[in-house]
Amino acid sequence: QVQLVESGGGLVQAGGSLRLSCAASERTVSNYAMGWFRQAPGKEREFVARITSDGRQTYYADSVKGRFTISRDNAKNTVYLQMNSLKPEDTAVYYCAADRPPYSSGSYTWTTHYDYWGQGTQVTVSS
């Protein structure tokens, strides 16, 4: 069973930056696509970003495009989310997720597309 542990969340002022990390318990995750999602109070969990297993392709939600960057270091079994120009509306619990191949049908923006989830890390952006 793959375990994912997020870290790096916290309180930051609007316009600031944070870098989230997601450490995986197994090296097999290097063969998985990885994603970040977030969930604000009273809202559904939503897609933020995705990266392919080799790190060559990335995908972003329109709301974070140009501000957030997803990356990975397979030697460290770790995925990152660099968040710049943070806004109060970015406040949420951020979750890391692993998508094990063969990939299921449907959109990679769906939570059901992913097989493993971390416990989440809180990001709060003050105005």
Protein backbone atom coordinates (compact mmCIF):
# COMPACT_ATOMS: atom_id res chain seq x y z
CA GLN A 1 0.00 0.00 0.00
CA VAL A 2 1.49 3.30 -1.12
CA GLN A 3 1.55 6.03 1.49
CA LEU A 4 1.74 9.69 0.60
CA VAL A 5 2.67 12.38 3.09
CA GLU A 6 2.23 16.06 2.31
CA SER A 7 4.13 18.87 3.98
CA GLY A 8 4.89 22.53 3.52
CA GLY A 9 1.51 24.07 4.15
CA GLY A 10 0.99 27.08 6.37
CA LEU A 11 -0.22 30.64 6.66
CA VAL A 12 0.97 33.17 4.11
CA GLN A 13 -0.07 36.64 3.03
CA ALA A 14 -1.62 37.28 -0.34
CA GLY A 15 1.08 37.55 -2.99
CA GLY A 16 3.37 35.21 -1.11
CA SER A 17 4.70 31.79 -1.96
CA LEU A 18 4.74 28.28 -0.55
CA ARG A 19 6.19 25.01 -1.72
CA LEU A 20 4.34 21.83 -0.92
CA SER A 21 6.03 18.45 -0.89
CA CYS A 22 4.56 14.98 -1.20
CA ALA A 23 6.77 12.10 -0.13
CA ALA A 24 5.87 8.59 -1.24
CA SER A 25 6.64 5.46 0.72
CA GLU A 26 7.63 3.34 -2.29
CA ARG A 27 9.91 3.78 -5.27
CA THR A 28 7.23 2.29 -7.52
CA VAL A 29 5.55 5.69 -7.40
CA SER A 30 8.18 6.84 -9.86
CA ASN A 31 6.11 4.95 -12.46
CA TYR A 32 2.89 6.72 -11.50
CA ALA A 33 1.44 9.99 -12.66
CA MET A 34 0.93 12.30 -9.70
CA GLY A 35 -1.56 15.01 -8.98
CA TRP A 36 -2.43 17.76 -6.54
CA PHE A 37 -5.98 18.56 -5.53
CA ARG A 38 -7.45 20.98 -3.04
CA GLN A 39 -10.59 21.27 -1.00
CA ALA A 40 -11.90 24.47 0.52
CA PRO A 41 -14.47 24.44 3.35
CA GLY A 42 -17.91 23.58 2.04
CA LYS A 43 -16.64 22.83 -1.45
CA GLU A 44 -15.82 19.72 -3.41
CA ARG A 45 -12.26 18.56 -3.89
CA GLU A 46 -10.91 20.08 -7.10
CA PHE A 47 -8.05 19.36 -9.46
CA VAL A 48 -5.00 21.62 -9.27
CA ALA A 49 -2.17 20.01 -11.23
CA ARG A 50 -0.85 16.76 -12.66
CA ILE A 51 2.54 15.49 -13.77
CA THR A 52 3.41 12.44 -15.82
CA SER A 53 5.66 9.72 -14.42
CA ASP A 54 8.70 10.99 -16.34
CA GLY A 55 7.96 14.60 -15.45
CA ARG A 56 7.85 15.70 -19.08
CA GLN A 57 4.22 16.76 -19.18
CA THR A 58 2.28 18.88 -16.74
CA TYR A 59 -1.32 19.98 -16.59
CA TYR A 60 -2.96 22.72 -14.57
CA ALA A 61 -6.34 24.02 -13.61
CA ASP A 62 -7.06 27.37 -15.24
CA SER A 63 -7.30 28.99 -11.81
CA VAL A 64 -3.64 28.27 -11.01
CA LYS A 65 -2.02 28.30 -14.44
CA GLY A 66 0.95 30.64 -14.52
CA ARG A 67 1.18 30.78 -10.71
CA PHE A 68 1.67 27.15 -9.64
CA THR A 69 4.30 24.69 -10.85
CA ILE A 70 4.25 20.94 -10.29
CA SER A 71 7.50 19.00 -10.42
CA ARG A 72 8.93 15.72 -9.21
CA ASP A 73 12.19 14.15 -8.14
CA ASN A 74 11.89 10.42 -8.71
CA ALA A 75 15.20 9.77 -7.00
CA LYS A 76 13.60 11.13 -3.82
CA ASN A 77 10.12 9.70 -4.43
CA THR A 78 8.83 13.25 -4.00
CA VAL A 79 6.45 15.53 -5.86
CA TYR A 80 6.35 19.27 -5.35
CA LEU A 81 3.89 22.08 -5.87
CA GLN A 82 5.44 25.53 -6.01
CA MET A 83 2.76 28.11 -5.39
CA ASN A 84 3.46 31.75 -6.19
CA SER A 85 1.31 34.88 -6.18
CA LEU A 86 -1.04 33.23 -3.73
CA LYS A 87 -4.56 34.57 -3.38
CA PRO A 88 -7.07 34.23 -0.54
CA GLU A 89 -9.15 31.97 -2.80
CA ASP A 90 -6.25 29.49 -2.83
CA THR A 91 -7.00 28.74 0.83
CA ALA A 92 -7.76 25.03 1.13
CA VAL A 93 -6.46 21.69 2.25
CA TYR A 94 -4.10 20.46 -0.46
CA TYR A 95 -3.91 16.76 -1.24
CA CYS A 96 -1.36 14.75 -3.13
CA ALA A 97 -2.61 11.81 -5.20
CA ALA A 98 -1.01 8.96 -7.15
CA ASP A 99 -2.44 7.55 -10.37
CA ARG A 100 -1.25 4.01 -10.90
CA PRO A 101 -1.08 2.65 -14.46
CA PRO A 102 -2.90 1.35 -16.35
CA TYR A 103 -4.79 4.59 -16.11
CA SER A 104 -8.53 4.47 -15.82
CA SER A 105 -10.84 6.07 -18.33
CA GLY A 106 -12.23 9.50 -17.75
CA SER A 107 -10.65 12.81 -17.02
CA TYR A 108 -7.48 13.09 -14.96
CA THR A 109 -9.16 15.99 -13.22
CA TRP A 110 -11.53 13.58 -11.53
CA THR A 111 -10.69 12.35 -8.04
CA THR A 112 -11.81 8.86 -9.04
CA HIS A 113 -8.92 8.68 -11.49
CA TYR A 114 -6.43 8.37 -8.62
CA ASP A 115 -5.59 5.34 -6.54
CA TYR A 116 -3.77 6.71 -3.50
CA TRP A 117 -4.19 9.88 -1.46
CA GLY A 118 -2.32 11.70 1.24
CA GLN A 119 -3.89 13.18 4.36
CA GLY A 120 -3.58 16.74 3.17
CA THR A 121 -1.84 19.91 4.29
CA GLN A 122 -3.57 23.18 5.11
CA VAL A 123 -2.76 26.30 3.12
CA THR A 124 -4.22 29.57 4.36
CA VAL A 125 -3.75 32.80 2.44
CA SER A 126 -4.63 36.00 4.29
CA SER A 127 -5.70 39.17 2.53
